[in-house]
């Protein structure tokens, strides 16, 4: 799994392996999301606000 460590108050790490997106939060642990495309992963790691992108585009969708 490829890991990215954002400068985020909510998210500690973001991992991706081609289909699974792992999001590790500072306070609530790791959440795995399945069936995530590479384009979503790229937009997520390049977002100006990782927490906002997660809430608006990933949480509850995968």
PDB file of N, CA and C in Angstrom:
ATOM      1  N   UNK A   1       0.852  -1.179   0.000  1.00  0.00           N
ATOM      2  CA  UNK A   1       0.000   0.000   0.000  1.00  0.00           C
ATOM      3  C   UNK A   1       0.893   1.236   0.000  1.00  0.00           C
ATOM      4  N   UNK A   2       0.563   2.166  -0.856  1.00  0.00           N
ATOM      5  CA  UNK A   2       1.281   3.443  -0.937  1.00  0.00           C
ATOM      6  C   UNK A   2       0.656   4.403   0.072  1.00  0.00           C
ATOM      7  N   UNK A   3       1.492   5.028   0.910  1.00  0.00           N
ATOM      8  CA  UNK A   3       0.987   5.907   1.971  1.00  0.00           C
ATOM      9  C   UNK A   3       1.353   7.361   1.715  1.00  0.00           C
ATOM     10  N   UNK A   4       0.436   8.233   2.102  1.00  0.00           N
ATOM     11  CA  UNK A   4       0.606   9.685   2.024  1.00  0.00           C
ATOM     12  C   UNK A   4       0.278  10.241   3.405  1.00  0.00           C
ATOM     13  N   UNK A   5       1.096  11.165   3.886  1.00  0.00           N
ATOM     14  CA  UNK A   5       0.922  11.739   5.227  1.00  0.00           C
ATOM     15  C   UNK A   5       0.599  13.227   5.094  1.00  0.00           C
ATOM     16  N   UNK A   6      -0.696  13.552   5.112  1.00  0.00           N
ATOM     17  CA  UNK A   6      -1.096  14.945   4.893  1.00  0.00           C
ATOM     18  C   UNK A   6      -0.844  15.824   6.110  1.00  0.00           C
ATOM     19  N   UNK A   7      -0.761  17.098   5.871  1.00  0.00           N
ATOM     20  CA  UNK A   7      -0.717  18.075   6.955  1.00  0.00           C
ATOM     21  C   UNK A   7      -2.174  18.385   7.296  1.00  0.00           C
ATOM     22  N   UNK A   8      -2.759  17.571   8.172  1.00  0.00           N
ATOM     23  CA  UNK A   8      -4.186  17.647   8.463  1.00  0.00           C
ATOM     24  C   UNK A   8      -4.420  17.496   9.956  1.00  0.00           C
ATOM     25  N   UNK A   9      -5.340  18.272  10.480  1.00  0.00           N
ATOM     26  CA  UNK A   9      -5.671  18.155  11.903  1.00  0.00           C
ATOM     27  C   UNK A   9      -6.520  16.921  12.179  1.00  0.00           C
ATOM     28  N   UNK A  10      -7.166  16.371  11.163  1.00  0.00           N
ATOM     29  CA  UNK A  10      -8.049  15.218  11.352  1.00  0.00           C
ATOM     30  C   UNK A  10      -7.427  13.906  10.875  1.00  0.00           C
ATOM     31  N   UNK A  11      -6.704  13.952   9.751  1.00  0.00           N
ATOM     32  CA  UNK A  11      -6.229  12.732   9.100  1.00  0.00           C
ATOM     33  C   UNK A  11      -4.729  12.572   9.290  1.00  0.00           C
ATOM     34  N   UNK A  12      -4.343  11.412   9.798  1.00  0.00           N
ATOM     35  CA  UNK A  12      -2.935  11.106  10.047  1.00  0.00           C
ATOM     36  C   UNK A  12      -2.260  10.534   8.804  1.00  0.00           C
ATOM     37  N   UNK A  13      -2.959   9.641   8.082  1.00  0.00           N
ATOM     38  CA  UNK A  13      -2.363   8.995   6.914  1.00  0.00           C
ATOM     39  C   UNK A  13      -3.458   8.548   5.956  1.00  0.00           C
ATOM     40  N   UNK A  14      -3.081   8.474   4.666  1.00  0.00           N
ATOM     41  CA  UNK A  14      -3.976   8.008   3.612  1.00  0.00           C
ATOM     42  C   UNK A  14      -3.200   6.966   2.814  1.00  0.00           C
ATOM     43  N   UNK A  15      -3.759   5.772   2.699  1.00  0.00           N
ATOM     44  CA  UNK A  15      -3.103   4.714   1.942  1.00  0.00           C
ATOM     45  C   UNK A  15      -3.956   4.255   0.784  1.00  0.00           C
ATOM     46  N   UNK A  16      -3.288   3.750  -0.277  1.00  0.00           N
ATOM     47  CA  UNK A  16      -4.024   3.272  -1.452  1.00  0.00           C
ATOM     48  C   UNK A  16      -3.248   2.142  -2.106  1.00  0.00           C
ATOM     49  N   UNK A  17      -3.970   1.094  -2.540  1.00  0.00           N
ATOM     50  CA  UNK A  17      -3.298  -0.039  -3.177  1.00  0.00           C
ATOM     51  C   UNK A  17      -3.884  -0.425  -4.528  1.00  0.00           C
ATOM     52  N   UNK A  18      -4.648   0.455  -5.130  1.00  0.00           N
ATOM     53  CA  UNK A  18      -5.225   0.158  -6.436  1.00  0.00           C
ATOM     54  C   UNK A  18      -6.724  -0.025  -6.402  1.00  0.00           C
ATOM     55  N   UNK A  19      -7.253  -0.492  -5.281  1.00  0.00           N
ATOM     56  CA  UNK A  19      -8.708  -0.620  -5.123  1.00  0.00           C
ATOM     57  C   UNK A  19      -9.180  -0.211  -3.740  1.00  0.00           C
ATOM     58  N   UNK A  20      -8.307  -0.315  -2.758  1.00  0.00           N
ATOM     59  CA  UNK A  20      -8.680  -0.014  -1.376  1.00  0.00           C
ATOM     60  C   UNK A  20      -8.012   1.269  -0.911  1.00  0.00           C
ATOM     61  N   UNK A  21      -8.818   2.156  -0.346  1.00  0.00           N
ATOM     62  CA  UNK A  21      -8.335   3.401   0.240  1.00  0.00           C
ATOM     63  C   UNK A  21      -8.419   3.260   1.752  1.00  0.00           C
ATOM     64  N   UNK A  22      -7.310   3.446   2.437  1.00  0.00           N
ATOM     65  CA  UNK A  22      -7.270   3.401   3.896  1.00  0.00           C
ATOM     66  C   UNK A  22      -7.061   4.818   4.412  1.00  0.00           C
ATOM     67  N   UNK A  23      -7.893   5.223   5.353  1.00  0.00           N
ATOM     68  CA  UNK A  23      -7.775   6.552   5.947  1.00  0.00           C
ATOM     69  C   UNK A  23      -7.596   6.362   7.445  1.00  0.00           C
ATOM     70  N   UNK A  24      -6.492   6.894   7.971  1.00  0.00           N
ATOM     71  CA  UNK A  24      -6.197   6.790   9.396  1.00  0.00           C
ATOM     72  C   UNK A  24      -6.393   8.161  10.021  1.00  0.00           C
ATOM     73  N   UNK A  25      -7.328   8.218  10.961  1.00  0.00           N
ATOM     74  CA  UNK A  25      -7.629   9.469  11.646  1.00  0.00           C
ATOM     75  C   UNK A  25      -6.827   9.556  12.939  1.00  0.00           C
ATOM     76  N   UNK A  26      -6.482  10.767  13.340  1.00  0.00           N
ATOM     77  CA  UNK A  26      -5.726  10.965  14.571  1.00  0.00           C
ATOM     78  C   UNK A  26      -6.464  10.397  15.776  1.00  0.00           C
ATOM     79  N   UNK A  27      -7.779  10.571  15.831  1.00  0.00           N
ATOM     80  CA  UNK A  27      -8.529  10.217  17.039  1.00  0.00           C
ATOM     81  C   UNK A  27      -9.409   8.987  16.936  1.00  0.00           C
ATOM     82  N   UNK A  28      -9.678   8.504  15.727  1.00  0.00           N
ATOM     83  CA  UNK A  28     -10.662   7.415  15.649  1.00  0.00           C
ATOM     84  C   UNK A  28     -10.207   6.192  14.861  1.00  0.00           C
ATOM     85  N   UNK A  29      -8.925   6.086  14.564  1.00  0.00           N
ATOM     86  CA  UNK A  29      -8.421   4.874  13.939  1.00  0.00           C
ATOM     87  C   UNK A  29      -8.517   4.839  12.431  1.00  0.00           C
ATOM     88  N   UNK A  30      -8.450   3.608  11.910  1.00  0.00           N
ATOM     89  CA  UNK A  30      -8.364   3.376  10.465  1.00  0.00           C
ATOM     90  C   UNK A  30      -9.716   2.945   9.903  1.00  0.00           C
ATOM     91  N   UNK A  31     -10.025   3.489   8.731  1.00  0.00           N
ATOM     92  CA  UNK A  31     -11.228   3.110   7.995  1.00  0.00           C
ATOM     93  C   UNK A  31     -10.806   2.724   6.582  1.00  0.00           C
ATOM     94  N   UNK A  32     -11.231   1.547   6.134  1.00  0.00           N
ATOM     95  CA  UNK A  32     -10.931   1.083   4.782  1.00  0.00           C
ATOM     96  C   UNK A  32     -12.143   1.293   3.890  1.00  0.00           C
ATOM     97  N   UNK A  33     -11.901   1.764   2.682  1.00  0.00           N
ATOM     98  CA  UNK A  33     -12.949   2.014   1.695  1.00  0.00           C
ATOM     99  C   UNK A  33     -12.583   1.227   0.440  1.00  0.00           C
ATOM    100  N   UNK A  34     -13.525   0.424  -0.055  1.00  0.00           N
ATOM    101  CA  UNK A  34     -13.260  -0.500  -1.160  1.00  0.00           C
ATOM    102  C   UNK A  34     -13.848   0.006  -2.471  1.00  0.00           C
ATOM    103  N   UNK A  35     -13.171  -0.315  -3.569  1.00  0.00           N
ATOM    104  CA  UNK A  35     -13.645   0.069  -4.891  1.00  0.00           C
ATOM    105  C   UNK A  35     -13.369   1.515  -5.254  1.00  0.00           C
ATOM    106  N   UNK A  36     -12.353   2.098  -4.650  1.00  0.00           N
ATOM    107  CA  UNK A  36     -12.004   3.504  -4.895  1.00  0.00           C
ATOM    108  C   UNK A  36     -11.067   3.582  -6.101  1.00  0.00           C
ATOM    109  N   UNK A  37     -11.383   4.461  -7.037  1.00  0.00           N
ATOM    110  CA  UNK A  37     -10.555   4.605  -8.241  1.00  0.00           C
ATOM    111  C   UNK A  37      -9.285   5.400  -7.940  1.00  0.00           C
ATOM    112  N   UNK A  38      -8.312   5.242  -8.813  1.00  0.00           N
ATOM    113  CA  UNK A  38      -7.063   5.991  -8.659  1.00  0.00           C
ATOM    114  C   UNK A  38      -7.300   7.489  -8.788  1.00  0.00           C
ATOM    115  N   UNK A  39      -8.249   7.894  -9.621  1.00  0.00           N
ATOM    116  CA  UNK A  39      -8.517   9.330  -9.778  1.00  0.00           C
ATOM    117  C   UNK A  39      -9.060   9.936  -8.485  1.00  0.00           C
ATOM    118  N   UNK A  40      -9.876   9.192  -7.757  1.00  0.00           N
ATOM    119  CA  UNK A  40     -10.365   9.682  -6.454  1.00  0.00           C
ATOM    120  C   UNK A  40      -9.199   9.794  -5.479  1.00  0.00           C
ATOM    121  N   UNK A  41      -8.340   8.793  -5.451  1.00  0.00           N
ATOM    122  CA  UNK A  41      -7.147   8.816  -4.594  1.00  0.00           C
ATOM    123  C   UNK A  41      -6.284  10.038  -4.907  1.00  0.00           C
ATOM    124  N   UNK A  42      -6.022  10.295  -6.180  1.00  0.00           N
ATOM    125  CA  UNK A  42      -5.181  11.433  -6.573  1.00  0.00           C
ATOM    126  C   UNK A  42      -5.816  12.765  -6.171  1.00  0.00           C
ATOM    127  N   UNK A  43      -7.118  12.904  -6.397  1.00  0.00           N
ATOM    128  CA  UNK A  43      -7.797  14.144  -5.996  1.00  0.00           C
ATOM    129  C   UNK A  43      -7.762  14.308  -4.479  1.00  0.00           C
ATOM    130  N   UNK A  44      -7.898  13.210  -3.751  1.00  0.00           N
ATOM    131  CA  UNK A  44      -7.875  13.248  -2.288  1.00  0.00           C
ATOM    132  C   UNK A  44      -6.521  13.738  -1.778  1.00  0.00           C
ATOM    133  N   UNK A  45      -5.440  13.149  -2.258  1.00  0.00           N
ATOM    134  CA  UNK A  45      -4.128  13.545  -1.734  1.00  0.00           C
ATOM    135  C   UNK A  45      -3.716  14.940  -2.189  1.00  0.00           C
ATOM    136  N   UNK A  46      -4.321  15.446  -3.266  1.00  0.00           N
ATOM    137  CA  UNK A  46      -4.010  16.793  -3.746  1.00  0.00           C
ATOM    138  C   UNK A  46      -5.003  17.849  -3.292  1.00  0.00           C
ATOM    139  N   UNK A  47      -5.976  17.463  -2.496  1.00  0.00           N
ATOM    140  CA  UNK A  47      -7.004  18.405  -2.036  1.00  0.00           C
ATOM    141  C   UNK A  47      -6.413  19.448  -1.094  1.00  0.00           C
ATOM    142  N   UNK A  48      -6.974  20.647  -1.122  1.00  0.00           N
ATOM    143  CA  UNK A  48      -6.513  21.697  -0.207  1.00  0.00           C
ATOM    144  C   UNK A  48      -6.959  21.409   1.219  1.00  0.00           C
ATOM    145  N   UNK A  49      -8.070  20.707   1.381  1.00  0.00           N
ATOM    146  CA  UNK A  49      -8.541  20.272   2.699  1.00  0.00           C
ATOM    147  C   UNK A  49      -8.872  18.785   2.610  1.00  0.00           C
ATOM    148  N   UNK A  50      -8.025  17.955   3.208  1.00  0.00           N
ATOM    149  CA  UNK A  50      -8.224  16.509   3.136  1.00  0.00           C
ATOM    150  C   UNK A  50      -9.471  16.075   3.894  1.00  0.00           C
ATOM    151  N   UNK A  51      -9.726  16.680   5.048  1.00  0.00           N
ATOM    152  CA  UNK A  51     -10.921  16.343   5.817  1.00  0.00           C
ATOM    153  C   UNK A  51     -12.197  16.678   5.066  1.00  0.00           C
ATOM    154  N   UNK A  52     -12.233  17.832   4.445  1.00  0.00           N
ATOM    155  CA  UNK A  52     -13.412  18.231   3.668  1.00  0.00           C
ATOM    156  C   UNK A  52     -13.607  17.314   2.471  1.00  0.00           C
ATOM    157  N   UNK A  53     -12.523  17.005   1.753  1.00  0.00           N
ATOM    158  CA  UNK A  53     -12.647  16.112   0.597  1.00  0.00           C
ATOM    159  C   UNK A  53     -13.172  14.747   1.032  1.00  0.00           C
ATOM    160  N   UNK A  54     -12.657  14.230   2.130  1.00  0.00           N
ATOM    161  CA  UNK A  54     -13.121  12.936   2.638  1.00  0.00           C
ATOM    162  C   UNK A  54     -14.617  12.981   2.937  1.00  0.00           C
ATOM    163  N   UNK A  55     -15.045  13.986   3.666  1.00  0.00           N
ATOM    164  CA  UNK A  55     -16.456  14.085   4.051  1.00  0.00           C
ATOM    165  C   UNK A  55     -17.383  14.271   2.855  1.00  0.00           C
ATOM    166  N   UNK A  56     -16.957  15.016   1.858  1.00  0.00           N
ATOM    167  CA  UNK A  56     -17.821  15.323   0.714  1.00  0.00           C
ATOM    168  C   UNK A  56     -17.775  14.280  -0.405  1.00  0.00           C
ATOM    169  N   UNK A  57     -16.688  13.510  -0.495  1.00  0.00           N
ATOM    170  CA  UNK A  57     -16.520  12.634  -1.657  1.00  0.00           C
ATOM    171  C   UNK A  57     -16.282  11.155  -1.362  1.00  0.00           C
ATOM    172  N   UNK A  58     -15.947  10.810  -0.127  1.00  0.00           N
ATOM    173  CA  UNK A  58     -15.599   9.420   0.168  1.00  0.00           C
ATOM    174  C   UNK A  58     -16.496   8.819   1.253  1.00  0.00           C
ATOM    175  N   UNK A  59     -16.636   9.480   2.361  1.00  0.00           N
ATOM    176  CA  UNK A  59     -17.423   8.952   3.481  1.00  0.00           C
ATOM    177  C   UNK A  59     -18.855   8.634   3.037  1.00  0.00           C
ATOM    178  N   UNK A  60     -19.277   7.416   3.313  1.00  0.00           N
ATOM    179  CA  UNK A  60     -20.623   6.984   2.963  1.00  0.00           C
ATOM    180  C   UNK A  60     -20.825   6.580   1.515  1.00  0.00           C
ATOM    181  N   UNK A  61     -19.786   6.708   0.693  1.00  0.00           N
ATOM    182  CA  UNK A  61     -19.901   6.352  -0.731  1.00  0.00           C
ATOM    183  C   UNK A  61     -19.160   5.062  -1.067  1.00  0.00           C
ATOM    184  N   UNK A  62     -18.177   4.717  -0.276  1.00  0.00           N
ATOM    185  CA  UNK A  62     -17.374   3.506  -0.528  1.00  0.00           C
ATOM    186  C   UNK A  62     -17.351   2.646   0.718  1.00  0.00           C
TER     187      UNK A  62
END
